[in-house]
Amino acid sequence: MQPLLARTIGRSTYTDMRAMEQIVRDSGLNWTVIRSSGLFDAGHVSPYEVSDGPLDGVFTSRADLAHCLLAQASEDRFAGRTIEITTSEGAPTLLQVIRREAFGRS
């Protein structure tokens, strides 16, 4: 589904994202680009996956993303690389997210 979105609805979004990431790469700084999947609220950090390759998850909790950001700020495991993060347990379904966004309930 991502290739279709990247070519249509998200064309300028993905172009802007690639340009921003290139600026970071060319900066000469110690960097890590972290790409999350769709964000949702959660009350705590849960199991999540981080990889410098593609991940299958659709959603990432904001708590998991914050935890990952702090971890990357204090280690250099992924320095100079682009990584992805996705929540592996407790993520909502696409229908739950649509319902929550449209009607304000889970």
Protein backbone atom coordinates (compact mmCIF):
# COMPACT_ATOMS: atom_id res chain seq x y z
CA MET A 1 0.00 0.00 0.00
CA GLN A 2 2.89 2.41 0.72
CA PRO A 3 4.11 2.58 -2.90
CA LEU A 4 0.60 3.62 -3.99
CA LEU A 5 0.39 6.27 -1.27
CA ALA A 6 3.88 7.54 -2.03
CA ARG A 7 3.00 7.99 -5.72
CA THR A 8 -0.37 9.65 -5.15
CA ILE A 9 -1.57 11.24 -1.91
CA GLY A 10 1.82 11.44 -0.24
CA ARG A 11 3.90 12.49 -3.24
CA SER A 12 4.96 15.85 -1.81
CA THR A 13 5.14 14.49 1.73
CA TYR A 14 7.58 11.74 0.75
CA THR A 15 9.57 14.12 -1.48
CA ASP A 16 9.89 16.54 1.44
CA MET A 17 10.84 13.70 3.80
CA ARG A 18 13.60 12.47 1.48
CA ALA A 19 14.94 16.02 1.09
CA MET A 20 14.95 16.56 4.86
CA GLU A 21 16.73 13.26 5.44
CA GLN A 22 19.37 14.18 2.85
CA ILE A 23 20.02 17.47 4.64
CA VAL A 24 20.52 15.53 7.89
CA ARG A 25 22.86 13.04 6.19
CA ASP A 26 24.91 15.86 4.63
CA SER A 27 25.15 17.82 7.90
CA GLY A 28 28.42 16.31 9.12
CA LEU A 29 26.77 15.64 12.49
CA ASN A 30 26.33 12.33 14.29
CA TRP A 31 22.79 11.49 13.20
CA THR A 32 20.09 8.83 13.24
CA VAL A 33 16.85 9.24 11.29
CA ILE A 34 13.95 7.49 13.01
CA ARG A 35 10.85 6.70 10.98
CA SER A 36 7.75 5.68 12.89
CA SER A 37 4.62 4.15 11.52
CA GLY A 38 1.24 5.80 12.30
CA LEU A 39 1.18 7.15 15.84
CA PHE A 40 -1.32 6.33 18.58
CA ASP A 41 -1.58 7.15 22.28
CA ALA A 42 -0.63 4.60 24.93
CA GLY A 43 -0.13 4.98 28.66
CA HIS A 44 3.16 3.13 28.83
CA VAL A 45 6.11 1.79 26.86
CA SER A 46 5.36 -1.59 25.35
CA PRO A 47 7.38 -4.08 23.31
CA TYR A 48 8.44 -2.47 20.05
CA GLU A 49 10.73 -3.31 17.14
CA VAL A 50 13.55 -1.19 15.76
CA SER A 51 15.37 -2.06 12.55
CA ASP A 52 17.43 -0.48 9.83
CA GLY A 53 15.35 -2.53 7.40
CA PRO A 54 11.63 -2.45 6.64
CA LEU A 55 9.19 -3.43 9.39
CA ASP A 56 5.67 -4.77 8.93
CA GLY A 57 3.93 -2.84 11.71
CA VAL A 58 1.30 -0.24 10.90
CA PHE A 59 1.30 1.74 14.16
CA THR A 60 3.76 3.02 16.78
CA SER A 61 2.74 4.26 20.20
CA ARG A 62 3.96 7.72 21.13
CA ALA A 63 5.37 6.25 24.36
CA ASP A 64 7.41 3.70 22.38
CA LEU A 65 8.66 6.39 19.99
CA ALA A 66 9.72 8.62 22.91
CA HIS A 67 11.54 5.69 24.53
CA CYS A 68 13.32 4.93 21.27
CA LEU A 69 14.32 8.58 20.76
CA LEU A 70 15.85 8.75 24.25
CA ALA A 71 17.66 5.45 23.72
CA GLN A 72 19.13 6.62 20.40
CA ALA A 73 20.29 9.89 21.99
CA SER A 74 22.42 7.96 24.47
CA GLU A 75 23.87 5.21 22.27
CA ASP A 76 25.40 4.95 18.83
CA ARG A 77 24.10 1.56 17.70
CA PHE A 78 22.27 3.12 14.74
CA ALA A 79 24.44 6.21 14.25
CA GLY A 80 24.59 7.28 10.62
CA ARG A 81 21.60 5.13 9.66
CA THR A 82 17.89 5.42 9.04
CA ILE A 83 15.78 3.16 11.23
CA GLU A 84 12.13 2.25 11.58
CA ILE A 85 10.15 1.68 14.77
CA THR A 86 6.82 -0.06 15.20
CA THR A 87 4.88 -1.22 18.23
CA SER A 88 4.75 -5.01 18.26
CA GLU A 89 2.20 -5.60 21.06
CA GLY A 90 -0.99 -3.73 21.86
CA ALA A 91 -1.19 -1.67 18.68
CA PRO A 92 -4.73 -0.85 17.54
CA THR A 93 -6.21 -2.14 14.32
CA LEU A 94 -6.75 0.21 11.40
CA LEU A 95 -10.50 0.08 12.06
CA GLN A 96 -9.97 1.11 15.70
CA VAL A 97 -7.85 4.09 14.65
CA ILE A 98 -10.39 5.19 12.03
CA ARG A 99 -13.23 4.87 14.55
CA ARG A 100 -11.27 6.81 17.18
CA GLU A 101 -10.38 9.60 14.75
CA ALA A 102 -13.85 9.84 13.23
CA PHE A 103 -15.99 9.42 16.34
CA GLY A 104 -13.65 10.05 19.26
CA ARG A 105 -14.02 6.58 20.74
CA SER A 106 -12.17 3.26 20.64
